[in-house]
């Protein structure tokens, strides 16, 4: 059996449409690389690059992205290899997914809902790498749900195991996005496989995967040389807001400099980010991303946080819900403007003239889009949800379990942003938005069956 025919069972589109879809995604990928090569860097990325180069790791983020940045620099003296890896994996995964779905041109327009992602994707943030990795995992799961060949299905699940284990090393909250996808084999066993032996194998494999995910996630702390109390960023920001509401400083003395008062906290407050608290006060505030707090001090901080919330639960909820809602907005007011992207290159002088010209033209379009509110995530979320509802009204296809897994992954990921997000940076919505759009595209496939 020839190679093309061996995989014909998973290609829902005709070969011509499948090739055209792959070709279009390849052109988009090449254009993207030409414009944004070798990828944007920010303060977070530069810190991770230094960790990867020196081997001196912090626990602000798990080590995967820092390791890849360090390897990229060792190989090329730049961030280019990681940028190419993220870009190619993401576009190739999307092309593979499209080729496996029976879609028409109108349905493919749903992919325009990823418009808010365009300014984010050139970055080397952990959010981008996680989205690329989970897009590949989604393609593998779609392949496993489509193929009728057991050997292909088993190979897909093996690849999924490796990819999801790696994903847990990318971001601390990745486990929330990963677990629903890891549990999908159980859903496949319960609803899709009738043979008892095959069902048992799938269930046991899924359980092993879940255990492996939890174990590998815990091992990320083994390589940490510079522990930090990163969890305290949001806690201290909440206390800053609640202090302003109460008219008295609620932050324990250990965490603030001498002379701290309400006026100092007020002038350093931003409703969109915790960063000003740590850089703008006159008295100074301890930065939990740069040090680890002693257990007794951590308990003191948590106690003050819990007590303050108990005294003013509505104030805390207002603060957290405001930040959460602003994640989905247009990001064109105040310091929200800078929370869409950070268009800086590590070595801008290494870029050639024609590349600079193309990039400058694209940036004009991006900035104009920001001004017009075209990169508002709430619009894309609404479009994707409408697509899912429209598809489900027509019935459920073979990808129903995968669609549900993507929806649960999105819901879990978003659920932790409400109480814990330290800013309204749009990049935090990268995977949830991509997952929802992919679920919408799959839901629409049923209408053509």
Protein backbone atom coordinates (compact mmCIF):
# COMPACT_ATOMS: atom_id res chain seq x y z
CA UNK A 1 0.00 0.00 0.00
CA UNK A 2 1.43 3.37 -0.98
CA UNK A 3 2.05 6.00 1.66
CA UNK A 4 -0.68 8.39 0.45
CA UNK A 5 -3.29 5.62 0.41
CA UNK A 6 -2.23 4.42 3.84
CA UNK A 7 -3.54 7.62 5.38
CA UNK A 8 -6.46 8.20 3.03
CA UNK A 9 -8.88 7.02 5.73
CA UNK A 10 -8.27 10.18 7.78
CA UNK A 11 -8.41 12.70 4.91
CA UNK A 12 -12.03 13.88 4.92
CA UNK A 13 -11.34 16.46 2.23
CA UNK A 14 -10.64 15.38 -1.33
CA UNK A 15 -6.90 15.08 -2.09
CA UNK A 16 -7.04 18.30 -4.11
CA UNK A 17 -8.65 20.32 -1.31
CA UNK A 18 -6.32 18.78 1.26
CA UNK A 19 -3.27 19.71 -0.82
CA UNK A 20 -4.59 23.22 -1.39
CA UNK A 21 -5.18 23.69 2.36
CA UNK A 22 -1.70 22.45 3.20
CA UNK A 23 -0.21 24.64 0.48
CA UNK A 24 -2.03 27.73 1.75
CA UNK A 25 -0.87 27.11 5.32
CA UNK A 26 2.69 26.58 4.05
CA UNK A 27 2.60 29.94 2.27
CA UNK A 28 1.27 31.64 5.40
CA UNK A 29 4.01 30.00 7.43
CA UNK A 30 6.75 31.15 5.06
CA UNK A 31 5.39 34.70 4.96
CA UNK A 32 5.16 34.76 8.75
CA UNK A 33 8.78 33.64 9.09
CA UNK A 34 10.04 36.19 6.57
CA UNK A 35 8.31 39.05 8.40
CA UNK A 36 8.99 38.16 12.03
CA UNK A 37 12.27 36.19 11.95
CA UNK A 38 14.02 35.61 14.41
CA UNK A 39 11.10 36.30 16.82
CA UNK A 40 10.25 38.93 19.43
CA UNK A 41 11.84 39.01 22.86
CA UNK A 42 10.60 40.65 26.06
CA UNK A 43 11.97 40.92 29.58
CA UNK A 44 10.56 37.48 30.44
CA UNK A 45 12.17 35.91 27.38
CA UNK A 46 15.54 37.57 28.03
CA UNK A 47 15.48 36.23 31.60
CA UNK A 48 14.70 32.72 30.33
CA UNK A 49 17.42 33.02 27.71
CA UNK A 50 19.93 33.82 30.43
CA UNK A 51 18.71 30.84 32.44
CA UNK A 52 19.13 28.56 29.44
CA UNK A 53 22.62 29.86 28.67
CA UNK A 54 23.92 29.62 32.23
CA UNK A 55 21.95 26.60 33.48
CA UNK A 56 20.90 28.63 36.52
CA UNK A 57 17.12 28.11 36.50
CA UNK A 58 14.37 29.98 38.31
CA UNK A 59 10.93 28.57 39.07
CA UNK A 60 9.11 31.64 37.76
CA UNK A 61 8.33 29.36 34.81
CA UNK A 62 9.09 25.66 34.27
CA UNK A 63 12.40 25.05 32.49
CA UNK A 64 11.26 23.91 29.01
CA UNK A 65 11.26 27.29 27.28
CA UNK A 66 14.51 28.35 28.97
CA UNK A 67 16.17 25.10 27.85
CA UNK A 68 15.04 25.64 24.25
CA UNK A 69 16.17 29.27 24.27
CA UNK A 70 19.56 28.26 25.62
CA UNK A 71 19.88 25.56 22.96
CA UNK A 72 18.79 28.02 20.26
CA UNK A 73 21.47 30.50 21.30
CA UNK A 74 24.12 27.79 21.49
CA UNK A 75 23.30 26.62 17.97
CA UNK A 76 22.87 29.95 16.21
CA UNK A 77 23.73 32.81 18.56
CA UNK A 78 20.11 33.95 18.30
CA UNK A 79 16.53 33.00 19.16
CA UNK A 80 15.82 31.87 15.59
CA UNK A 81 15.66 28.07 16.12
CA UNK A 82 12.93 28.31 18.78
CA UNK A 83 11.00 30.83 16.67
CA UNK A 84 11.17 28.48 13.69
CA UNK A 85 10.17 25.49 15.82
CA UNK A 86 7.11 27.25 17.25
CA UNK A 87 6.02 28.63 13.90
CA UNK A 88 6.47 25.47 11.85
CA UNK A 89 4.86 23.20 14.46
CA UNK A 90 1.84 25.50 14.81
CA UNK A 91 1.20 26.02 11.09
CA UNK A 92 1.90 22.37 10.24
CA UNK A 93 -0.53 21.23 12.94
CA UNK A 94 -3.25 23.57 11.64
CA UNK A 95 -2.66 22.33 8.08
CA UNK A 96 -2.92 18.71 9.22
CA UNK A 97 -6.13 19.41 11.12
CA UNK A 98 -7.73 21.17 8.14
CA UNK A 99 -6.77 18.31 5.81
CA UNK A 100 -8.50 15.81 8.12
CA UNK A 101 -11.80 17.73 8.27
CA UNK A 102 -14.57 17.96 5.69
CA UNK A 103 -14.99 21.71 5.39
CA UNK A 104 -16.09 24.23 2.79
CA UNK A 105 -14.75 27.72 2.20
CA UNK A 106 -17.33 29.31 4.50
CA UNK A 107 -16.24 27.12 7.39
CA UNK A 108 -12.59 27.89 6.78
CA UNK A 109 -13.42 31.57 7.32
CA UNK A 110 -13.82 30.66 10.98
CA UNK A 111 -10.04 30.53 11.11
CA UNK A 112 -10.13 34.33 10.82
CA UNK A 113 -11.25 34.23 14.45
CA UNK A 114 -7.59 33.69 15.35
CA UNK A 115 -6.90 37.29 14.25
CA UNK A 116 -6.14 38.46 17.83
CA UNK A 117 -3.33 35.89 17.94
CA UNK A 118 -1.32 37.44 15.11
CA UNK A 119 0.55 40.04 17.23
CA UNK A 120 1.29 37.38 19.86
CA UNK A 121 2.59 34.51 17.75
CA UNK A 122 5.98 36.07 16.81
CA UNK A 123 6.96 36.14 20.49
CA UNK A 124 9.06 33.53 22.24
CA UNK A 125 6.84 33.49 25.30
CA UNK A 126 5.97 30.22 27.00
CA UNK A 127 2.36 30.86 25.95
CA UNK A 128 3.31 30.56 22.27
CA UNK A 129 5.32 27.38 22.71
CA UNK A 130 2.50 25.83 24.73
CA UNK A 131 -0.06 26.71 22.04
CA UNK A 132 2.14 25.19 19.32
CA UNK A 133 2.69 22.00 21.32
CA UNK A 134 -1.00 21.59 22.18
CA UNK A 135 -2.01 22.29 18.56
CA UNK A 136 0.17 19.34 17.56
CA UNK A 137 -1.42 17.26 20.34
CA UNK A 138 -4.85 18.20 18.97
CA UNK A 139 -3.84 17.11 15.47
CA UNK A 140 -2.66 13.76 16.82
CA UNK A 141 -5.90 13.24 18.74
CA UNK A 142 -7.94 14.12 15.66
CA UNK A 143 -5.88 11.64 13.66
CA UNK A 144 -6.49 8.94 16.29
CA UNK A 145 -10.24 9.59 16.21
CA UNK A 146 -10.34 9.46 12.40
CA UNK A 147 -8.14 6.51 11.52
CA UNK A 148 -9.50 2.98 11.31
CA UNK A 149 -6.05 1.42 11.61
CA UNK A 150 -5.08 0.32 15.14
CA UNK A 151 -1.34 0.70 14.50
CA UNK A 152 -1.80 4.33 13.43
CA UNK A 153 -4.01 5.00 16.44
CA UNK A 154 -1.45 3.51 18.84
CA UNK A 155 1.36 5.56 17.29
CA UNK A 156 -0.75 8.69 17.66
CA UNK A 157 -1.43 7.99 21.34
CA UNK A 158 2.29 7.37 21.93
CA UNK A 159 3.15 10.68 20.31
CA UNK A 160 0.44 12.34 22.38
CA UNK A 161 1.95 10.93 25.57
CA UNK A 162 5.34 12.46 24.82
CA UNK A 163 3.92 15.82 23.73
CA UNK A 164 1.62 16.27 26.71
CA UNK A 165 4.38 15.33 29.14
CA UNK A 166 6.58 17.99 27.56
CA UNK A 167 3.74 20.55 27.73
CA UNK A 168 3.63 20.28 31.52
CA UNK A 169 7.20 21.61 31.56
CA UNK A 170 6.27 24.74 29.58
CA UNK A 171 3.95 26.65 31.94
CA UNK A 172 2.85 26.14 35.53
CA UNK A 173 -0.83 26.22 34.57
CA UNK A 174 -0.34 23.96 31.54
CA UNK A 175 -1.51 20.96 33.56
CA UNK A 176 -5.03 22.45 33.51
CA UNK A 177 -5.03 22.54 29.72
CA UNK A 178 -3.36 19.16 29.38
CA UNK A 179 -5.43 16.96 31.71
CA UNK A 180 -8.68 17.01 29.64
CA UNK A 181 -6.67 16.04 26.57
CA UNK A 182 -4.85 13.31 28.47
CA UNK A 183 -8.15 11.85 29.64
CA UNK A 184 -9.53 11.68 26.10
CA UNK A 185 -8.41 8.04 25.62
CA UNK A 186 -10.83 7.08 28.41
CA UNK A 187 -13.64 8.82 26.54
CA UNK A 188 -12.58 7.02 23.37
CA UNK A 189 -12.60 3.72 25.23
CA UNK A 190 -16.00 4.25 26.82
CA UNK A 191 -17.81 5.68 23.80
CA UNK A 192 -15.83 4.50 20.81
CA UNK A 193 -14.31 1.08 21.35
CA UNK A 194 -16.49 -1.94 21.98
CA UNK A 195 -13.86 -4.66 22.32
CA UNK A 196 -13.22 -5.22 26.05
CA UNK A 197 -9.49 -5.80 25.67
CA UNK A 198 -8.94 -2.70 23.55
CA UNK A 199 -11.03 -0.68 25.96
CA UNK A 200 -8.99 -1.86 28.94
CA UNK A 201 -5.73 -1.03 27.18
CA UNK A 202 -6.91 2.49 26.39
CA UNK A 203 -8.11 3.12 29.94
CA UNK A 204 -4.86 1.86 31.46
CA UNK A 205 -2.83 3.90 28.98
CA UNK A 206 -4.77 7.02 29.88
CA UNK A 207 -4.27 6.42 33.60
CA UNK A 208 -0.54 5.89 33.06
CA UNK A 209 -0.45 9.12 31.07
CA UNK A 210 -2.15 11.09 33.84
CA UNK A 211 0.25 9.73 36.45
CA UNK A 212 3.19 10.51 34.17
CA UNK A 213 1.95 14.07 33.66
CA UNK A 214 1.70 14.72 37.39
CA UNK A 215 5.12 13.17 38.01
CA UNK A 216 6.88 15.04 35.20
CA UNK A 217 5.23 18.29 36.24
CA UNK A 218 6.68 17.82 39.75
CA UNK A 219 10.17 17.16 38.39
CA UNK A 220 10.41 20.68 36.95
CA UNK A 221 11.42 21.91 40.42
CA UNK A 222 14.39 19.53 40.53
CA UNK A 223 16.46 21.79 38.27
CA UNK A 224 15.62 25.05 40.06
CA UNK A 225 18.64 26.97 41.39
CA UNK A 226 16.88 30.28 42.10
CA UNK A 227 13.56 29.56 43.81
CA UNK A 228 11.06 32.40 43.89
CA UNK A 229 7.67 32.90 45.54
CA UNK A 230 5.98 33.76 42.25
CA UNK A 231 2.54 32.89 43.62
CA UNK A 232 2.75 36.00 45.84
CA UNK A 233 2.61 38.44 42.89
CA UNK A 234 -1.17 38.23 42.57
CA UNK A 235 -1.62 38.02 46.36
CA UNK A 236 0.30 41.26 46.93
CA UNK A 237 -1.49 42.99 44.05
CA UNK A 238 -4.83 42.02 45.58
CA UNK A 239 -3.68 43.42 48.92
CA UNK A 240 -2.65 46.65 47.22
CA UNK A 241 -6.16 47.07 45.83
CA UNK A 242 -7.86 46.09 49.08
CA UNK A 243 -5.59 48.48 50.98
CA UNK A 244 -6.71 51.36 48.78
CA UNK A 245 -10.33 50.31 49.30
CA UNK A 246 -9.87 50.10 53.09
CA UNK A 247 -7.83 53.29 53.39
CA UNK A 248 -5.03 51.52 55.27
CA UNK A 249 -1.96 49.50 54.32
CA UNK A 250 -2.84 45.80 54.56
CA UNK A 251 0.46 44.45 53.24
CA UNK A 252 2.55 43.04 56.15
CA UNK A 253 5.56 45.15 57.13
CA UNK A 254 8.08 42.53 55.99
CA UNK A 255 7.01 43.02 52.36
CA UNK A 256 7.08 46.82 52.15
CA UNK A 257 9.68 49.49 52.73
CA UNK A 258 9.64 52.02 55.59
CA UNK A 259 7.19 54.88 55.23
CA UNK A 260 4.76 53.06 52.96
CA UNK A 261 1.34 54.74 53.00
CA UNK A 262 -1.91 54.66 51.08
CA UNK A 263 -0.90 57.54 48.81
CA UNK A 264 2.22 55.63 47.73
CA UNK A 265 0.19 52.50 47.01
CA UNK A 266 -2.45 54.53 45.17
CA UNK A 267 -0.03 56.24 42.80
CA UNK A 268 1.61 52.90 42.01
CA UNK A 269 -1.65 51.08 41.31
CA UNK A 270 -2.70 49.86 37.86
CA UNK A 271 -5.98 47.99 37.33
CA UNK A 272 -4.32 46.08 34.50
CA UNK A 273 -1.04 44.76 35.90
CA UNK A 274 0.73 43.98 39.16
CA UNK A 275 4.07 45.24 37.82
CA UNK A 276 3.71 48.92 38.92
CA UNK A 277 3.40 47.79 42.54
CA UNK A 278 6.96 46.46 42.44
CA UNK A 279 8.61 49.23 40.43
CA UNK A 280 6.80 52.52 41.11
CA UNK A 281 6.42 52.87 44.88
CA UNK A 282 8.71 55.32 46.66
CA UNK A 283 9.04 53.11 49.74
CA UNK A 284 9.72 49.91 47.83
CA UNK A 285 8.02 46.50 47.77
CA UNK A 286 9.66 43.09 47.82
CA UNK A 287 9.49 41.41 44.42
CA UNK A 288 8.47 37.75 44.84
CA UNK A 289 9.81 36.83 41.40
CA UNK A 290 13.33 37.65 42.59
CA UNK A 291 13.37 35.91 45.97
CA UNK A 292 11.72 33.17 47.97
CA UNK A 293 9.92 34.06 51.18
CA UNK A 294 10.51 32.14 54.38
CA UNK A 295 7.62 29.80 55.33
CA UNK A 296 6.55 31.93 58.26
CA UNK A 297 6.54 35.08 56.11
CA UNK A 298 4.56 33.29 53.40
CA UNK A 299 1.99 32.26 56.01
CA UNK A 300 1.85 35.84 57.26
CA UNK A 301 1.19 37.11 53.73
CA UNK A 302 -1.45 34.48 53.02
CA UNK A 303 -3.11 35.20 56.35
CA UNK A 304 -3.31 38.92 55.56
CA UNK A 305 -4.69 38.13 52.10
CA UNK A 306 -7.38 35.77 53.39
CA UNK A 307 -8.37 38.16 56.19
CA UNK A 308 -8.59 41.10 53.78
CA UNK A 309 -10.79 39.14 51.37
CA UNK A 310 -13.02 38.05 54.26
CA UNK A 311 -13.42 41.70 55.28
CA UNK A 312 -14.19 42.89 51.74
CA UNK A 313 -15.16 39.94 49.49
CA UNK A 314 -17.07 42.12 47.03
CA UNK A 315 -14.09 44.44 46.63
CA UNK A 316 -11.78 41.51 45.89
CA UNK A 317 -14.28 40.03 43.43
CA UNK A 318 -14.63 43.40 41.69
CA UNK A 319 -10.86 43.68 41.36
CA UNK A 320 -10.39 40.14 40.01
CA UNK A 321 -13.37 40.27 37.66
CA UNK A 322 -12.24 43.62 36.26
CA UNK A 323 -8.83 42.20 35.36
CA UNK A 324 -10.41 39.05 33.91
CA UNK A 325 -12.86 41.00 31.74
CA UNK A 326 -10.11 43.29 30.48
CA UNK A 327 -8.25 40.23 29.18
CA UNK A 328 -10.96 39.96 26.52
CA UNK A 329 -11.10 43.66 25.60
CA UNK A 330 -9.59 45.80 22.86
CA UNK A 331 -6.38 46.62 24.77
CA UNK A 332 -6.21 50.17 23.44
CA UNK A 333 -6.45 52.25 26.63
CA UNK A 334 -3.90 53.17 29.32
CA UNK A 335 -1.19 50.56 29.84
CA UNK A 336 -3.38 47.91 28.18
CA UNK A 337 -1.86 49.07 24.89
CA UNK A 338 1.41 47.43 25.86
CA UNK A 339 -0.20 44.14 26.89
CA UNK A 340 -0.88 42.84 23.40
CA UNK A 341 2.68 42.41 22.20
CA UNK A 342 6.27 43.54 22.69
CA UNK A 343 7.77 43.95 19.19
CA UNK A 344 11.49 43.87 19.99
CA UNK A 345 14.23 41.72 18.46
CA UNK A 346 17.30 40.39 20.24
CA UNK A 347 19.68 41.53 17.49
CA UNK A 348 17.74 44.00 15.27
CA UNK A 349 20.94 44.99 13.47
CA UNK A 350 21.18 41.46 12.01
CA UNK A 351 17.95 41.88 10.03
CA UNK A 352 18.31 42.79 6.35
CA UNK A 353 16.76 45.86 4.77
CA UNK A 354 13.91 44.21 2.85
CA UNK A 355 12.93 42.26 5.96
CA UNK A 356 12.85 45.45 8.04
CA UNK A 357 10.67 47.11 5.39
CA UNK A 358 8.16 44.26 5.35
CA UNK A 359 8.05 44.13 9.13
CA UNK A 360 7.49 47.89 9.39
CA UNK A 361 4.57 47.67 6.97
CA UNK A 362 3.01 44.79 8.90
CA UNK A 363 3.46 46.69 12.17
CA UNK A 364 1.55 49.65 10.70
CA UNK A 365 -1.35 47.30 9.93
CA UNK A 366 -1.15 45.70 13.40
CA UNK A 367 -1.14 49.06 15.18
CA UNK A 368 -4.06 50.24 13.06
CA UNK A 369 -5.88 47.03 13.95
CA UNK A 370 -5.27 47.72 17.63
CA UNK A 371 -6.70 51.22 17.28
CA UNK A 372 -9.82 49.81 15.59
CA UNK A 373 -10.24 47.11 18.22
CA UNK A 374 -9.82 44.29 15.69
CA UNK A 375 -7.69 42.30 18.10
CA UNK A 376 -10.39 42.08 20.77
CA UNK A 377 -10.44 38.44 21.94
CA UNK A 378 -14.09 38.54 23.04
CA UNK A 379 -15.20 38.80 19.41
CA UNK A 380 -13.26 35.69 18.46
CA UNK A 381 -14.49 33.77 21.50
CA UNK A 382 -18.08 34.65 20.58
CA UNK A 383 -17.63 33.60 16.94
CA UNK A 384 -16.07 30.28 17.95
CA UNK A 385 -18.83 29.55 20.48
CA UNK A 386 -21.50 30.32 17.87
CA UNK A 387 -19.77 27.93 15.45
CA UNK A 388 -19.78 25.17 18.08
CA UNK A 389 -23.49 25.70 18.83
CA UNK A 390 -24.34 25.74 15.11
CA UNK A 391 -22.39 22.55 14.52
CA UNK A 392 -23.89 20.73 17.49
CA UNK A 393 -27.41 21.63 16.39
CA UNK A 394 -26.76 19.47 13.32
CA UNK A 395 -25.58 16.51 15.41
CA UNK A 396 -22.33 15.04 16.72
CA UNK A 397 -19.64 13.43 14.61
CA UNK A 398 -16.64 11.26 15.37
CA UNK A 399 -14.75 14.22 16.83
CA UNK A 400 -17.36 15.02 19.50
CA UNK A 401 -15.18 13.69 22.34
CA UNK A 402 -12.23 15.75 21.15
CA UNK A 403 -14.40 18.87 20.92
CA UNK A 404 -15.55 18.36 24.50
CA UNK A 405 -11.93 17.83 25.62
CA UNK A 406 -10.93 21.12 23.97
CA UNK A 407 -13.85 22.93 25.61
CA UNK A 408 -12.98 21.54 29.05
CA UNK A 409 -9.32 22.43 28.48
CA UNK A 410 -10.38 25.99 27.64
CA UNK A 411 -12.71 26.25 30.63
CA UNK A 412 -10.14 24.95 33.14
CA UNK A 413 -7.42 27.22 31.78
CA UNK A 414 -9.69 30.27 31.95
CA UNK A 415 -11.05 29.36 35.37
CA UNK A 416 -7.65 29.88 37.00
CA UNK A 417 -7.11 33.21 35.27
CA UNK A 418 -9.99 34.77 37.20
CA UNK A 419 -8.43 34.41 40.69
CA UNK A 420 -4.75 34.24 39.72
CA UNK A 421 -3.84 36.28 36.64
CA UNK A 422 -1.26 38.97 37.51
CA UNK A 423 -2.17 41.17 34.54
CA UNK A 424 -4.55 41.59 31.61
CA UNK A 425 -1.92 40.49 29.06
CA UNK A 426 -3.60 39.11 25.98
CA UNK A 427 -1.08 36.28 25.62
CA UNK A 428 -2.75 34.41 28.48
CA UNK A 429 -5.69 33.75 26.15
CA UNK A 430 -3.59 32.22 23.37
CA UNK A 431 -4.32 28.55 24.03
CA UNK A 432 -7.96 29.02 25.15
CA UNK A 433 -8.79 30.98 22.00
CA UNK A 434 -6.96 28.58 19.69
CA UNK A 435 -8.60 25.56 21.37
CA UNK A 436 -12.06 27.09 21.06
CA UNK A 437 -11.57 27.94 17.37
CA UNK A 438 -10.35 24.40 16.65
CA UNK A 439 -13.37 22.96 18.45
CA UNK A 440 -15.60 25.23 16.37
CA UNK A 441 -14.01 24.11 13.12
CA UNK A 442 -14.49 20.45 14.09
CA UNK A 443 -18.10 21.05 15.13
CA UNK A 444 -18.91 22.51 11.71
CA UNK A 445 -17.62 19.42 9.92
CA UNK A 446 -20.83 17.50 10.76
CA UNK A 447 -22.88 19.82 8.53
CA UNK A 448 -21.13 18.46 5.43
CA UNK A 449 -21.39 14.76 6.29
